[in-house]
Amino acid sequence: LVSQGLLEIFTIVEHINIGTGIICNMILLYLVRRFSRASMGTYKYLLIIFASYDFFLTAVHGTINHQVVIVNITTFAANLTSFYCASFTVPFTLMIIHFLYRYWAIKCPDRIILFSDKRFMCLLASFSLSGFVTWYCLCIFGLTGAVDEVSTIAAREEYYRRYKRNVTDSYLIAEHWKDGKFNFRPALVLFCFDSIIFSCITLASTLCILTLHHIAKADAISAYSKYLHQKLLKTLIAQTVLPVVLVYIPYFCILSLPFLSIPDYGLTAACTAFNSSFPAVDAIIVVVLMKDYRVGLVSMFLGRRKATPTVSIGAIPT
């Protein structure tokens, strides 16, 4: 059992993460709009979209205040609404779009203009929306949580024991074993969840590897252009590792461990603390790894802006 003191620590961490996430992403939005060099082109708008969504995620987390508990190796999610679950699929689909941009920037630079085309942007938006809708529907139609169900009552009691709050509904329950019998529906939902997670990671990894390969093989661009491509890609890789470590791995564990009858060893208590830290850490990573924004942030506190030279890189978009 997780100690009450540890639960209180995780709750404090969540509150700190929410405040930090809002502040950091507001600062990042300002830095991107103020200090992005012209050579970044439309890529800065992708950064704006991502920072805006991180801000939204932080607000959603603070509003819903969800928690996860496990009773008898069965996952119960208190206040973990379908909307909240689905909202964390969007950052990774946005990462895939970022990788596509970076891949085209080095392999097919003539296609970058598509990111200024409204129809293509609608197609990309539908890609992110499809992941959200799929996860949402799986939660709504694949999981249970009626107020009068025995499993819901057990979850309510465990939730009250942990957090001293009496939440009567809004539970999403994956009851893998019911009355000693295997329950197929939550197992199918689990398979779909894990498939989405691994598909996103595989697609992002493939685009990353291809981009690294073409950067290494590029002969028609200057050394500075190659350096800039590598720098932006490294930042994107760091951004991609964050949702994997802070969101997808915890999600995978809390969904899969109960099915395998493996104790969570406190992960359910820490899960929301991990999730809530993602938006703030993501913004910090971008500022730290991208010199223009790092210098811009320093200049904000020093009251002056250090000049950042704009270097032309010809027809190669970044």
Foldseek 3Di string as FASTA:
>chain_A
DDDLVVLVVLVVLLVVLLVLLLVLLVLLLVLLVPQPFCLQPCLSVLVNVLSVLSNVLSVVCVVQVKFWDDDQLWTKIGSCALQNLLSLQLNLLSLLVSLVLLLCLLVPVVCNCVVVPPVSVVVSVVVSVVSSVVSSCCQVPQWDWDLPDPVNVVVQVVCCVRPVDRDRGNMTILDQADPNHGDVRSVVSLVVLVVSLVVSVVSSVVSLVSSVVSLVVDDPWDPVVSVVSVLVSVLSVVLNVLCVVLPVVLVNCSSVCSNVVHDPVCSSSNNSSSVSNSSSVNSVSVCVSDPSNVQVVVCVVVVHHDDDDDDDGPSRGD
